[in-house]
PDB file of N, CA and C in Angstrom:
ATOM      1  N   UNK A   1      -8.233  15.260   2.957  1.00  0.00           N
ATOM      2  CA  UNK A   1      -7.047  13.866   3.365  1.00  0.00           C
ATOM      3  C   UNK A   1      -8.324  12.961   2.107  1.00  0.00           C
ATOM      4  N   UNK A   2      -7.164  12.151   1.755  1.00  0.00           N
ATOM      5  CA  UNK A   2      -8.165  10.901   1.498  1.00  0.00           C
ATOM      6  C   UNK A   2      -7.443   9.145   1.830  1.00  0.00           C
ATOM      7  N   UNK A   3      -8.694   8.185   1.683  1.00  0.00           N
ATOM      8  CA  UNK A   3      -8.121   7.602   2.131  1.00  0.00           C
ATOM      9  C   UNK A   3      -7.787   6.192   1.212  1.00  0.00           C
ATOM     10  N   UNK A   4      -6.574   5.458   1.261  1.00  0.00           N
ATOM     11  CA  UNK A   4      -5.961   4.480   0.964  1.00  0.00           C
ATOM     12  C   UNK A   4      -6.323   2.765   1.168  1.00  0.00           C
ATOM     13  N   UNK A   5      -6.023   1.978   0.775  1.00  0.00           N
ATOM     14  CA  UNK A   5      -5.881   1.132   1.216  1.00  0.00           C
ATOM     15  C   UNK A   5      -4.777   0.071   0.574  1.00  0.00           C
ATOM     16  N   UNK A   6      -4.359   0.000   1.505  1.00  0.00           N
ATOM     17  CA  UNK A   6      -2.856  -1.258   1.082  1.00  0.00           C
ATOM     18  C   UNK A   6      -2.901  -2.548   2.040  1.00  0.00           C
ATOM     19  N   UNK A   7      -2.769  -3.237   1.346  1.00  0.00           N
ATOM     20  CA  UNK A   7      -2.992  -4.772   1.546  1.00  0.00           C
ATOM     21  C   UNK A   7      -1.269  -5.285   0.703  1.00  0.00           C
ATOM     22  N   UNK A   8      -0.706  -6.475   1.962  1.00  0.00           N
ATOM     23  CA  UNK A   8       0.530  -7.156   1.826  1.00  0.00           C
ATOM     24  C   UNK A   8       0.059  -8.726   1.558  1.00  0.00           C
ATOM     25  N   UNK A   9       1.305  -9.415   0.704  1.00  0.00           N
ATOM     26  CA  UNK A   9       0.690 -10.947   0.652  1.00  0.00           C
ATOM     27  C   UNK A   9       2.100 -11.947   0.717  1.00  0.00           C
ATOM     28  N   UNK A  10       1.902 -13.143   1.286  1.00  0.00           N
ATOM     29  CA  UNK A  10       2.535 -13.607   1.370  1.00  0.00           C
ATOM     30  C   UNK A  10       2.387 -14.537  -0.615  1.00  0.00           C
ATOM     31  N   UNK A  11       3.709 -15.659  -0.831  1.00  0.00           N
ATOM     32  CA  UNK A  11       2.933 -16.558  -1.920  1.00  0.00           C
ATOM     33  C   UNK A  11       2.634 -16.998  -1.433  1.00  0.00           C
ATOM     34  N   UNK A  12       1.443 -17.218  -0.474  1.00  0.00           N
ATOM     35  CA  UNK A  12       0.972 -18.715  -0.080  1.00  0.00           C
ATOM     36  C   UNK A  12      -0.669 -18.041  -0.425  1.00  0.00           C
ATOM     37  N   UNK A  13      -0.228 -16.960  -0.106  1.00  0.00           N
ATOM     38  CA  UNK A  13      -1.755 -15.760  -0.286  1.00  0.00           C
ATOM     39  C   UNK A  13      -1.898 -15.964   1.037  1.00  0.00           C
ATOM     40  N   UNK A  14      -1.523 -15.612   2.321  1.00  0.00           N
ATOM     41  CA  UNK A  14      -1.967 -15.133   3.670  1.00  0.00           C
ATOM     42  C   UNK A  14      -1.653 -13.864   3.497  1.00  0.00           C
ATOM     43  N   UNK A  15      -2.587 -13.025   3.972  1.00  0.00           N
ATOM     44  CA  UNK A  15      -2.404 -11.868   4.277  1.00  0.00           C
ATOM     45  C   UNK A  15      -1.743 -11.199   5.413  1.00  0.00           C
ATOM     46  N   UNK A  16      -0.559 -10.949   4.946  1.00  0.00           N
ATOM     47  CA  UNK A  16       0.267  -9.527   6.311  1.00  0.00           C
ATOM     48  C   UNK A  16      -0.647  -8.735   6.706  1.00  0.00           C
ATOM     49  N   UNK A  17      -0.616  -7.467   5.706  1.00  0.00           N
ATOM     50  CA  UNK A  17      -1.258  -6.368   6.383  1.00  0.00           C
ATOM     51  C   UNK A  17      -2.134  -5.740   5.121  1.00  0.00           C
ATOM     52  N   UNK A  18      -3.723  -5.700   6.266  1.00  0.00           N
ATOM     53  CA  UNK A  18      -4.864  -4.733   5.137  1.00  0.00           C
ATOM     54  C   UNK A  18      -5.395  -3.742   6.108  1.00  0.00           C
ATOM     55  N   UNK A  19      -4.844  -1.744   5.700  1.00  0.00           N
ATOM     56  CA  UNK A  19      -4.681  -1.230   6.202  1.00  0.00           C
ATOM     57  C   UNK A  19      -5.427  -0.609   5.624  1.00  0.00           C
ATOM     58  N   UNK A  20      -5.726   0.449   6.444  1.00  0.00           N
ATOM     59  CA  UNK A  20      -6.093   1.733   6.032  1.00  0.00           C
ATOM     60  C   UNK A  20      -5.342   3.161   5.750  1.00  0.00           C
ATOM     61  N   UNK A  21      -5.023   3.937   4.892  1.00  0.00           N
ATOM     62  CA  UNK A  21      -3.773   4.617   5.171  1.00  0.00           C
ATOM     63  C   UNK A  21      -4.485   6.275   4.848  1.00  0.00           C
ATOM     64  N   UNK A  22      -4.183   7.372   4.909  1.00  0.00           N
ATOM     65  CA  UNK A  22      -4.710   8.099   4.806  1.00  0.00           C
ATOM     66  C   UNK A  22      -3.453   9.303   4.288  1.00  0.00           C
ATOM     67  N   UNK A  23      -3.693   9.849   3.117  1.00  0.00           N
ATOM     68  CA  UNK A  23      -2.713  11.077   2.543  1.00  0.00           C
ATOM     69  C   UNK A  23      -3.470  12.352   2.541  1.00  0.00           C
ATOM     70  N   UNK A  24      -2.665  12.818   1.394  1.00  0.00           N
ATOM     71  CA  UNK A  24      -3.488  14.196   0.757  1.00  0.00           C
ATOM     72  C   UNK A  24      -3.847  14.337  -0.192  1.00  0.00           C
ATOM     73  N   UNK A  25      -2.967  13.369  -1.396  1.00  0.00           N
ATOM     74  CA  UNK A  25      -3.508  13.046  -2.646  1.00  0.00           C
ATOM     75  C   UNK A  25      -2.267  11.908  -3.213  1.00  0.00           C
ATOM     76  N   UNK A  26      -3.137  11.678  -4.500  1.00  0.00           N
ATOM     77  CA  UNK A  26      -2.095  10.599  -4.888  1.00  0.00           C
ATOM     78  C   UNK A  26      -0.611  10.371  -4.942  1.00  0.00           C
ATOM     79  N   UNK A  27      -0.130  11.658  -5.387  1.00  0.00           N
ATOM     80  CA  UNK A  27       1.291  11.940  -5.060  1.00  0.00           C
ATOM     81  C   UNK A  27       2.172  11.614  -4.046  1.00  0.00           C
ATOM     82  N   UNK A  28       1.512  12.461  -2.758  1.00  0.00           N
ATOM     83  CA  UNK A  28       1.725  12.306  -1.312  1.00  0.00           C
ATOM     84  C   UNK A  28       1.282  10.229  -1.198  1.00  0.00           C
ATOM     85  N   UNK A  29       0.972  10.263  -1.678  1.00  0.00           N
ATOM     86  CA  UNK A  29       0.618   8.396  -1.353  1.00  0.00           C
ATOM     87  C   UNK A  29       1.802   7.586  -1.428  1.00  0.00           C
ATOM     88  N   UNK A  30       2.073   8.486  -2.892  1.00  0.00           N
ATOM     89  CA  UNK A  30       3.299   7.173  -3.084  1.00  0.00           C
ATOM     90  C   UNK A  30       4.811   7.673  -3.017  1.00  0.00           C
ATOM     91  N   UNK A  31       4.684   8.393  -2.701  1.00  0.00           N
ATOM     92  CA  UNK A  31       5.947   9.118  -1.659  1.00  0.00           C
ATOM     93  C   UNK A  31       6.124   8.013  -0.071  1.00  0.00           C
ATOM     94  N   UNK A  32       5.076   8.727   0.201  1.00  0.00           N
ATOM     95  CA  UNK A  32       5.051   8.561   2.107  1.00  0.00           C
ATOM     96  C   UNK A  32       4.744   6.991   1.936  1.00  0.00           C
ATOM     97  N   UNK A  33       4.204   6.205   0.513  1.00  0.00           N
ATOM     98  CA  UNK A  33       3.392   4.779   0.821  1.00  0.00           C
ATOM     99  C   UNK A  33       4.690   4.037   1.135  1.00  0.00           C
ATOM    100  N   UNK A  34       5.643   4.316  -0.375  1.00  0.00           N
ATOM    101  CA  UNK A  34       6.585   3.314   0.092  1.00  0.00           C
ATOM    102  C   UNK A  34       7.904   3.512   1.274  1.00  0.00           C
ATOM    103  N   UNK A  35       7.560   5.169   1.283  1.00  0.00           N
ATOM    104  CA  UNK A  35       8.397   4.529   2.911  1.00  0.00           C
ATOM    105  C   UNK A  35       7.849   3.766   4.133  1.00  0.00           C
ATOM    106  N   UNK A  36       6.203   3.848   4.093  1.00  0.00           N
ATOM    107  CA  UNK A  36       5.711   2.919   4.907  1.00  0.00           C
ATOM    108  C   UNK A  36       6.112   1.512   4.899  1.00  0.00           C
ATOM    109  N   UNK A  37       6.098   0.789   3.667  1.00  0.00           N
ATOM    110  CA  UNK A  37       6.192  -0.267   2.805  1.00  0.00           C
ATOM    111  C   UNK A  37       7.763  -0.365   3.921  1.00  0.00           C
ATOM    112  N   UNK A  38       8.897   0.066   3.558  1.00  0.00           N
ATOM    113  CA  UNK A  38       9.731   0.279   3.719  1.00  0.00           C
ATOM    114  C   UNK A  38      10.357  -0.461   5.464  1.00  0.00           C
ATOM    115  N   UNK A  39       8.994   0.490   5.591  1.00  0.00           N
ATOM    116  CA  UNK A  39       9.779   0.752   7.352  1.00  0.00           C
ATOM    117  C   UNK A  39       8.977  -0.668   7.923  1.00  0.00           C
ATOM    118  N   UNK A  40       8.028  -1.460   7.125  1.00  0.00           N
ATOM    119  CA  UNK A  40       6.997  -2.207   7.806  1.00  0.00           C
ATOM    120  C   UNK A  40       8.145  -3.557   7.283  1.00  0.00           C
ATOM    121  N   UNK A  41       8.568  -3.691   6.754  1.00  0.00           N
ATOM    122  CA  UNK A  41       9.240  -4.979   6.106  1.00  0.00           C
ATOM    123  C   UNK A  41       8.699  -5.901   4.798  1.00  0.00           C
ATOM    124  N   UNK A  42       8.313  -4.428   4.286  1.00  0.00           N
ATOM    125  CA  UNK A  42       7.190  -5.891   2.829  1.00  0.00           C
ATOM    126  C   UNK A  42       7.596  -5.433   1.685  1.00  0.00           C
ATOM    127  N   UNK A  43       8.257  -4.736   1.260  1.00  0.00           N
ATOM    128  CA  UNK A  43       9.269  -4.140   0.136  1.00  0.00           C
ATOM    129  C   UNK A  43       8.794  -5.160  -0.708  1.00  0.00           C
ATOM    130  N   UNK A  44       9.479  -6.430  -0.963  1.00  0.00           N
ATOM    131  CA  UNK A  44       9.688  -7.542  -1.523  1.00  0.00           C
ATOM    132  C   UNK A  44       8.577  -8.492  -1.615  1.00  0.00           C
ATOM    133  N   UNK A  45       7.648  -8.045  -0.734  1.00  0.00           N
ATOM    134  CA  UNK A  45       6.277  -9.045  -0.631  1.00  0.00           C
ATOM    135  C   UNK A  45       5.548  -8.608  -1.728  1.00  0.00           C
ATOM    136  N   UNK A  46       4.661  -9.295  -2.181  1.00  0.00           N
ATOM    137  CA  UNK A  46       3.453  -9.088  -2.406  1.00  0.00           C
ATOM    138  C   UNK A  46       2.844  -8.000  -2.006  1.00  0.00           C
ATOM    139  N   UNK A  47       2.514  -6.779  -2.753  1.00  0.00           N
ATOM    140  CA  UNK A  47       1.994  -5.626  -1.699  1.00  0.00           C
ATOM    141  C   UNK A  47       0.945  -4.792  -3.450  1.00  0.00           C
ATOM    142  N   UNK A  48       0.249  -3.958  -2.651  1.00  0.00           N
ATOM    143  CA  UNK A  48      -0.459  -2.654  -3.295  1.00  0.00           C
ATOM    144  C   UNK A  48      -1.131  -2.028  -2.504  1.00  0.00           C
ATOM    145  N   UNK A  49      -1.206  -0.501  -3.079  1.00  0.00           N
ATOM    146  CA  UNK A  49      -1.639   0.190  -2.222  1.00  0.00           C
ATOM    147  C   UNK A  49      -2.534   1.633  -3.825  1.00  0.00           C
ATOM    148  N   UNK A  50      -3.949   1.851  -3.218  1.00  0.00           N
ATOM    149  CA  UNK A  50      -5.776   1.918  -3.954  1.00  0.00           C
ATOM    150  C   UNK A  50      -5.410   3.073  -3.163  1.00  0.00           C
ATOM    151  N   UNK A  51      -6.310   4.356  -3.913  1.00  0.00           N
ATOM    152  CA  UNK A  51      -7.120   5.300  -3.783  1.00  0.00           C
ATOM    153  C   UNK A  51      -8.773   4.778  -3.493  1.00  0.00           C
ATOM    154  N   UNK A  52      -9.109   5.326  -2.897  1.00  0.00           N
ATOM    155  CA  UNK A  52     -10.912   4.932  -2.353  1.00  0.00           C
ATOM    156  C   UNK A  52     -11.387   4.673  -3.847  1.00  0.00           C
ATOM    157  N   UNK A  53     -11.075   5.401  -5.453  1.00  0.00           N
ATOM    158  CA  UNK A  53     -11.789   5.067  -6.360  1.00  0.00           C
ATOM    159  C   UNK A  53     -11.272   3.542  -6.701  1.00  0.00           C
ATOM    160  N   UNK A  54     -10.216   2.804  -6.607  1.00  0.00           N
ATOM    161  CA  UNK A  54     -10.091   1.829  -7.027  1.00  0.00           C
ATOM    162  C   UNK A  54      -8.954   2.045  -7.737  1.00  0.00           C
ATOM    163  N   UNK A  55      -8.167   3.153  -8.352  1.00  0.00           N
ATOM    164  CA  UNK A  55      -6.879   3.523  -8.897  1.00  0.00           C
ATOM    165  C   UNK A  55      -5.475   2.746  -7.947  1.00  0.00           C
ATOM    166  N   UNK A  56      -5.039   2.034  -8.777  1.00  0.00           N
ATOM    167  CA  UNK A  56      -3.234   1.664  -8.518  1.00  0.00           C
ATOM    168  C   UNK A  56      -2.592   2.210  -7.777  1.00  0.00           C
ATOM    169  N   UNK A  57      -1.875   2.701  -6.837  1.00  0.00           N
ATOM    170  CA  UNK A  57      -1.181   4.052  -7.163  1.00  0.00           C
ATOM    171  C   UNK A  57       0.260   3.164  -6.672  1.00  0.00           C
ATOM    172  N   UNK A  58      -0.228   2.167  -5.977  1.00  0.00           N
ATOM    173  CA  UNK A  58       1.772   0.794  -5.991  1.00  0.00           C
ATOM    174  C   UNK A  58       1.494   0.073  -6.048  1.00  0.00           C
ATOM    175  N   UNK A  59       2.504  -1.324  -6.641  1.00  0.00           N
ATOM    176  CA  UNK A  59       1.869  -2.381  -7.109  1.00  0.00           C
ATOM    177  C   UNK A  59       3.042  -2.698  -7.444  1.00  0.00           C
ATOM    178  N   UNK A  60       3.620  -4.546  -6.187  1.00  0.00           N
ATOM    179  CA  UNK A  60       4.726  -4.772  -6.287  1.00  0.00           C
ATOM    180  C   UNK A  60       4.736  -6.747  -6.291  1.00  0.00           C
ATOM    181  N   UNK A  61       5.162  -7.299  -6.742  1.00  0.00           N
ATOM    182  CA  UNK A  61       5.289  -8.458  -7.022  1.00  0.00           C
ATOM    183  C   UNK A  61       6.174  -9.467  -6.817  1.00  0.00           C
TER     184      UNK A  61
END
């Protein structure tokens, strides 16, 4: 299992979420991360999900 960092922001720059999520690999992170983003209700907010090496997995402005 690998750690991934999820952050979501308001347009004002206010941080809504800054969390560490754990997934088996980048593909699982992409699929399950999208689901968790939808559940949190921030799919239309600026957000990103990066792996522990800093590789961008998901990004939305």
